[in-house]
Amino acid sequence: MVALLVSPQVIEDLEDALAVSDHQRRKAEGTLGPGIPMTEVRSRLGLEKK
């Protein structure tokens, strides 16, 4: 049995890279769903534009 220690930052970086890659793949395939406008996101989070 082998164990590999990986820093949390490396895991986060890999997850981010995977998310970007998945987004690019879905965009290229034309299967990317509609986005949410920033104004709607801010409204849902209860944030006001300053």
PDB file of N, CA and C in Angstrom:
ATOM      1  N   MET A   1       0.844  -1.169   0.000  1.00  0.00           N
ATOM      2  CA  MET A   1       0.000   0.000   0.000  1.00  0.00           C
ATOM      3  C   MET A   1       0.893   1.237   0.000  1.00  0.00           C
ATOM      4  N   VAL A   2       0.461   2.273  -0.723  1.00  0.00           N
ATOM      5  CA  VAL A   2       1.235   3.498  -0.849  1.00  0.00           C
ATOM      6  C   VAL A   2       0.328   4.679  -0.511  1.00  0.00           C
ATOM      7  N   ALA A   3       0.885   5.652   0.181  1.00  0.00           N
ATOM      8  CA  ALA A   3       0.151   6.877   0.495  1.00  0.00           C
ATOM      9  C   ALA A   3       0.854   8.046  -0.168  1.00  0.00           C
ATOM     10  N   LEU A   4       0.081   8.995  -0.603  1.00  0.00           N
ATOM     11  CA  LEU A   4       0.632  10.177  -1.248  1.00  0.00           C
ATOM     12  C   LEU A   4       0.070  11.400  -0.535  1.00  0.00           C
ATOM     13  N   LEU A   5       0.954  12.244  -0.037  1.00  0.00           N
ATOM     14  CA  LEU A   5       0.523  13.475   0.616  1.00  0.00           C
ATOM     15  C   LEU A   5       0.503  14.593  -0.404  1.00  0.00           C
ATOM     16  N   VAL A   6      -0.622  15.278  -0.474  1.00  0.00           N
ATOM     17  CA  VAL A   6      -0.781  16.381  -1.418  1.00  0.00           C
ATOM     18  C   VAL A   6      -1.350  17.565  -0.648  1.00  0.00           C
ATOM     19  N   SER A   7      -0.781  18.730  -0.876  1.00  0.00           N
ATOM     20  CA  SER A   7      -1.260  19.912  -0.159  1.00  0.00           C
ATOM     21  C   SER A   7      -2.672  20.281  -0.624  1.00  0.00           C
ATOM     22  N   PRO A   8      -3.453  20.860   0.262  1.00  0.00           N
ATOM     23  CA  PRO A   8      -4.813  21.287  -0.108  1.00  0.00           C
ATOM     24  C   PRO A   8      -4.813  22.252  -1.287  1.00  0.00           C
ATOM     25  N   GLN A   9      -3.782  23.095  -1.392  1.00  0.00           N
ATOM     26  CA  GLN A   9      -3.718  24.051  -2.503  1.00  0.00           C
ATOM     27  C   GLN A   9      -3.597  23.332  -3.846  1.00  0.00           C
ATOM     28  N   VAL A  10      -2.828  22.257  -3.883  1.00  0.00           N
ATOM     29  CA  VAL A  10      -2.680  21.479  -5.119  1.00  0.00           C
ATOM     30  C   VAL A  10      -4.028  20.874  -5.512  1.00  0.00           C
ATOM     31  N   ILE A  11      -4.749  20.350  -4.540  1.00  0.00           N
ATOM     32  CA  ILE A  11      -6.078  19.775  -4.811  1.00  0.00           C
ATOM     33  C   ILE A  11      -7.010  20.856  -5.354  1.00  0.00           C
ATOM     34  N   GLU A  12      -7.012  22.023  -4.728  1.00  0.00           N
ATOM     35  CA  GLU A  12      -7.863  23.122  -5.202  1.00  0.00           C
ATOM     36  C   GLU A  12      -7.495  23.533  -6.621  1.00  0.00           C
ATOM     37  N   ASP A  13      -6.215  23.615  -6.903  1.00  0.00           N
ATOM     38  CA  ASP A  13      -5.770  23.976  -8.257  1.00  0.00           C
ATOM     39  C   ASP A  13      -6.224  22.942  -9.286  1.00  0.00           C
ATOM     40  N   LEU A  14      -6.129  21.670  -8.943  1.00  0.00           N
ATOM     41  CA  LEU A  14      -6.578  20.608  -9.854  1.00  0.00           C
ATOM     42  C   LEU A  14      -8.088  20.668 -10.072  1.00  0.00           C
ATOM     43  N   GLU A  15      -8.832  20.926  -9.002  1.00  0.00           N
ATOM     44  CA  GLU A  15     -10.288  21.043  -9.136  1.00  0.00           C
ATOM     45  C   GLU A  15     -10.663  22.226 -10.018  1.00  0.00           C
ATOM     46  N   ASP A  16      -9.958  23.356  -9.843  1.00  0.00           N
ATOM     47  CA  ASP A  16     -10.217  24.532 -10.682  1.00  0.00           C
ATOM     48  C   ASP A  16      -9.915  24.237 -12.144  1.00  0.00           C
ATOM     49  N   ALA A  17      -8.785  23.579 -12.404  1.00  0.00           N
ATOM     50  CA  ALA A  17      -8.411  23.247 -13.778  1.00  0.00           C
ATOM     51  C   ALA A  17      -9.436  22.306 -14.405  1.00  0.00           C
ATOM     52  N   LEU A  18      -9.934  21.352 -13.619  1.00  0.00           N
ATOM     53  CA  LEU A  18     -10.950  20.430 -14.111  1.00  0.00           C
ATOM     54  C   LEU A  18     -12.246  21.168 -14.442  1.00  0.00           C
ATOM     55  N   ALA A  19     -12.638  22.110 -13.589  1.00  0.00           N
ATOM     56  CA  ALA A  19     -13.861  22.873 -13.839  1.00  0.00           C
ATOM     57  C   ALA A  19     -13.736  23.713 -15.109  1.00  0.00           C
ATOM     58  N   VAL A  20     -12.587  24.346 -15.305  1.00  0.00           N
ATOM     59  CA  VAL A  20     -12.372  25.161 -16.517  1.00  0.00           C
ATOM     60  C   VAL A  20     -12.393  24.273 -17.755  1.00  0.00           C
ATOM     61  N   SER A  21     -11.729  23.124 -17.665  1.00  0.00           N
ATOM     62  CA  SER A  21     -11.698  22.189 -18.787  1.00  0.00           C
ATOM     63  C   SER A  21     -13.097  21.696 -19.132  1.00  0.00           C
ATOM     64  N   ASP A  22     -13.882  21.380 -18.109  1.00  0.00           N
ATOM     65  CA  ASP A  22     -15.255  20.907 -18.338  1.00  0.00           C
ATOM     66  C   ASP A  22     -16.093  22.003 -18.988  1.00  0.00           C
ATOM     67  N   HIS A  23     -15.930  23.236 -18.539  1.00  0.00           N
ATOM     68  CA  HIS A  23     -16.661  24.368 -19.122  1.00  0.00           C
ATOM     69  C   HIS A  23     -16.295  24.531 -20.597  1.00  0.00           C
ATOM     70  N   GLN A  24     -15.002  24.485 -20.897  1.00  0.00           N
ATOM     71  CA  GLN A  24     -14.555  24.640 -22.287  1.00  0.00           C
ATOM     72  C   GLN A  24     -15.073  23.507 -23.161  1.00  0.00           C
ATOM     73  N   ARG A  25     -15.080  22.284 -22.629  1.00  0.00           N
ATOM     74  CA  ARG A  25     -15.578  21.137 -23.395  1.00  0.00           C
ATOM     75  C   ARG A  25     -17.067  21.304 -23.704  1.00  0.00           C
ATOM     76  N   ARG A  26     -17.853  21.668 -22.673  1.00  0.00           N
ATOM     77  CA  ARG A  26     -19.295  21.833 -22.885  1.00  0.00           C
ATOM     78  C   ARG A  26     -19.586  22.992 -23.831  1.00  0.00           C
ATOM     79  N   LYS A  27     -18.785  24.048 -23.759  1.00  0.00           N
ATOM     80  CA  LYS A  27     -18.962  25.179 -24.673  1.00  0.00           C
ATOM     81  C   LYS A  27     -18.691  24.743 -26.107  1.00  0.00           C
ATOM     82  N   ALA A  28     -17.616  23.975 -26.314  1.00  0.00           N
ATOM     83  CA  ALA A  28     -17.261  23.495 -27.654  1.00  0.00           C
ATOM     84  C   ALA A  28     -18.316  22.538 -28.203  1.00  0.00           C
ATOM     85  N   GLU A  29     -18.913  21.738 -27.324  1.00  0.00           N
ATOM     86  CA  GLU A  29     -19.944  20.782 -27.749  1.00  0.00           C
ATOM     87  C   GLU A  29     -21.296  21.446 -27.961  1.00  0.00           C
ATOM     88  N   GLY A  30     -21.429  22.672 -27.476  1.00  0.00           N
ATOM     89  CA  GLY A  30     -22.721  23.356 -27.585  1.00  0.00           C
ATOM     90  C   GLY A  30     -23.712  22.891 -26.536  1.00  0.00           C
ATOM     91  N   THR A  31     -23.227  22.277 -25.473  1.00  0.00           N
ATOM     92  CA  THR A  31     -24.126  21.765 -24.435  1.00  0.00           C
ATOM     93  C   THR A  31     -24.082  22.614 -23.163  1.00  0.00           C
ATOM     94  N   LEU A  32     -23.439  23.765 -23.244  1.00  0.00           N
ATOM     95  CA  LEU A  32     -23.346  24.651 -22.089  1.00  0.00           C
ATOM     96  C   LEU A  32     -24.690  25.335 -21.901  1.00  0.00           C
ATOM     97  N   GLY A  33     -25.247  25.205 -20.717  1.00  0.00           N
ATOM     98  CA  GLY A  33     -26.544  25.816 -20.431  1.00  0.00           C
ATOM     99  C   GLY A  33     -26.436  27.327 -20.351  1.00  0.00           C
ATOM    100  N   PRO A  34     -27.573  27.982 -20.279  1.00  0.00           N
ATOM    101  CA  PRO A  34     -27.553  29.440 -20.182  1.00  0.00           C
ATOM    102  C   PRO A  34     -26.941  29.879 -18.848  1.00  0.00           C
ATOM    103  N   GLY A  35     -26.241  30.971 -18.873  1.00  0.00           N
ATOM    104  CA  GLY A  35     -25.637  31.496 -17.655  1.00  0.00           C
ATOM    105  C   GLY A  35     -26.630  32.338 -16.869  1.00  0.00           C
ATOM    106  N   ILE A  36     -26.174  32.843 -15.757  1.00  0.00           N
ATOM    107  CA  ILE A  36     -26.985  33.729 -14.928  1.00  0.00           C
ATOM    108  C   ILE A  36     -26.320  35.100 -14.958  1.00  0.00           C
ATOM    109  N   PRO A  37     -27.047  36.128 -15.341  1.00  0.00           N
ATOM    110  CA  PRO A  37     -26.464  37.471 -15.380  1.00  0.00           C
ATOM    111  C   PRO A  37     -25.946  37.888 -13.995  1.00  0.00           C
ATOM    112  N   MET A  38     -24.869  38.659 -13.981  1.00  0.00           N
ATOM    113  CA  MET A  38     -24.268  39.085 -12.717  1.00  0.00           C
ATOM    114  C   MET A  38     -25.269  39.826 -11.838  1.00  0.00           C
ATOM    115  N   THR A  39     -26.140  40.614 -12.444  1.00  0.00           N
ATOM    116  CA  THR A  39     -27.130  41.336 -11.643  1.00  0.00           C
ATOM    117  C   THR A  39     -28.040  40.371 -10.890  1.00  0.00           C
ATOM    118  N   GLU A  40     -28.396  39.258 -11.519  1.00  0.00           N
ATOM    119  CA  GLU A  40     -29.233  38.247 -10.868  1.00  0.00           C
ATOM    120  C   GLU A  40     -28.464  37.550  -9.747  1.00  0.00           C
ATOM    121  N   VAL A  41     -27.194  37.244  -9.978  1.00  0.00           N
ATOM    122  CA  VAL A  41     -26.366  36.609  -8.944  1.00  0.00           C
ATOM    123  C   VAL A  41     -26.281  37.524  -7.732  1.00  0.00           C
ATOM    124  N   ARG A  42     -25.975  38.791  -7.963  1.00  0.00           N
ATOM    125  CA  ARG A  42     -25.865  39.743  -6.855  1.00  0.00           C
ATOM    126  C   ARG A  42     -27.185  39.862  -6.111  1.00  0.00           C
ATOM    127  N   SER A  43     -28.286  39.858  -6.840  1.00  0.00           N
ATOM    128  CA  SER A  43     -29.601  39.947  -6.214  1.00  0.00           C
ATOM    129  C   SER A  43     -29.879  38.723  -5.347  1.00  0.00           C
ATOM    130  N   ARG A  44     -29.583  37.546  -5.863  1.00  0.00           N
ATOM    131  CA  ARG A  44     -29.811  36.306  -5.109  1.00  0.00           C
ATOM    132  C   ARG A  44     -28.952  36.232  -3.846  1.00  0.00           C
ATOM    133  N   LEU A  45     -27.765  36.841  -3.914  1.00  0.00           N
ATOM    134  CA  LEU A  45     -26.869  36.829  -2.760  1.00  0.00           C
ATOM    135  C   LEU A  45     -27.131  37.999  -1.810  1.00  0.00           C
ATOM    136  N   GLY A  46     -28.049  38.858  -2.185  1.00  0.00           N
ATOM    137  CA  GLY A  46     -28.362  40.008  -1.340  1.00  0.00           C
ATOM    138  C   GLY A  46     -27.289  41.066  -1.368  1.00  0.00           C
ATOM    139  N   LEU A  47     -26.555  41.151  -2.469  1.00  0.00           N
ATOM    140  CA  LEU A  47     -25.482  42.130  -2.601  1.00  0.00           C
ATOM    141  C   LEU A  47     -25.968  43.304  -3.445  1.00  0.00           C
ATOM    142  N   GLU A  48     -25.507  44.461  -3.087  1.00  0.00           N
ATOM    143  CA  GLU A  48     -25.848  45.648  -3.873  1.00  0.00           C
ATOM    144  C   GLU A  48     -24.624  46.113  -4.631  1.00  0.00           C
ATOM    145  N   LYS A  49     -24.821  46.584  -5.846  1.00  0.00           N
ATOM    146  CA  LYS A  49     -23.717  47.106  -6.636  1.00  0.00           C
ATOM    147  C   LYS A  49     -23.300  48.443  -6.048  1.00  0.00           C
ATOM    148  N   LYS A  50     -22.005  48.579  -5.832  1.00  0.00           N
ATOM    149  CA  LYS A  50     -21.496  49.831  -5.241  1.00  0.00           C
ATOM    150  C   LYS A  50     -20.656  50.585  -6.218  1.00  0.00           C
TER     151      LYS A  50
END
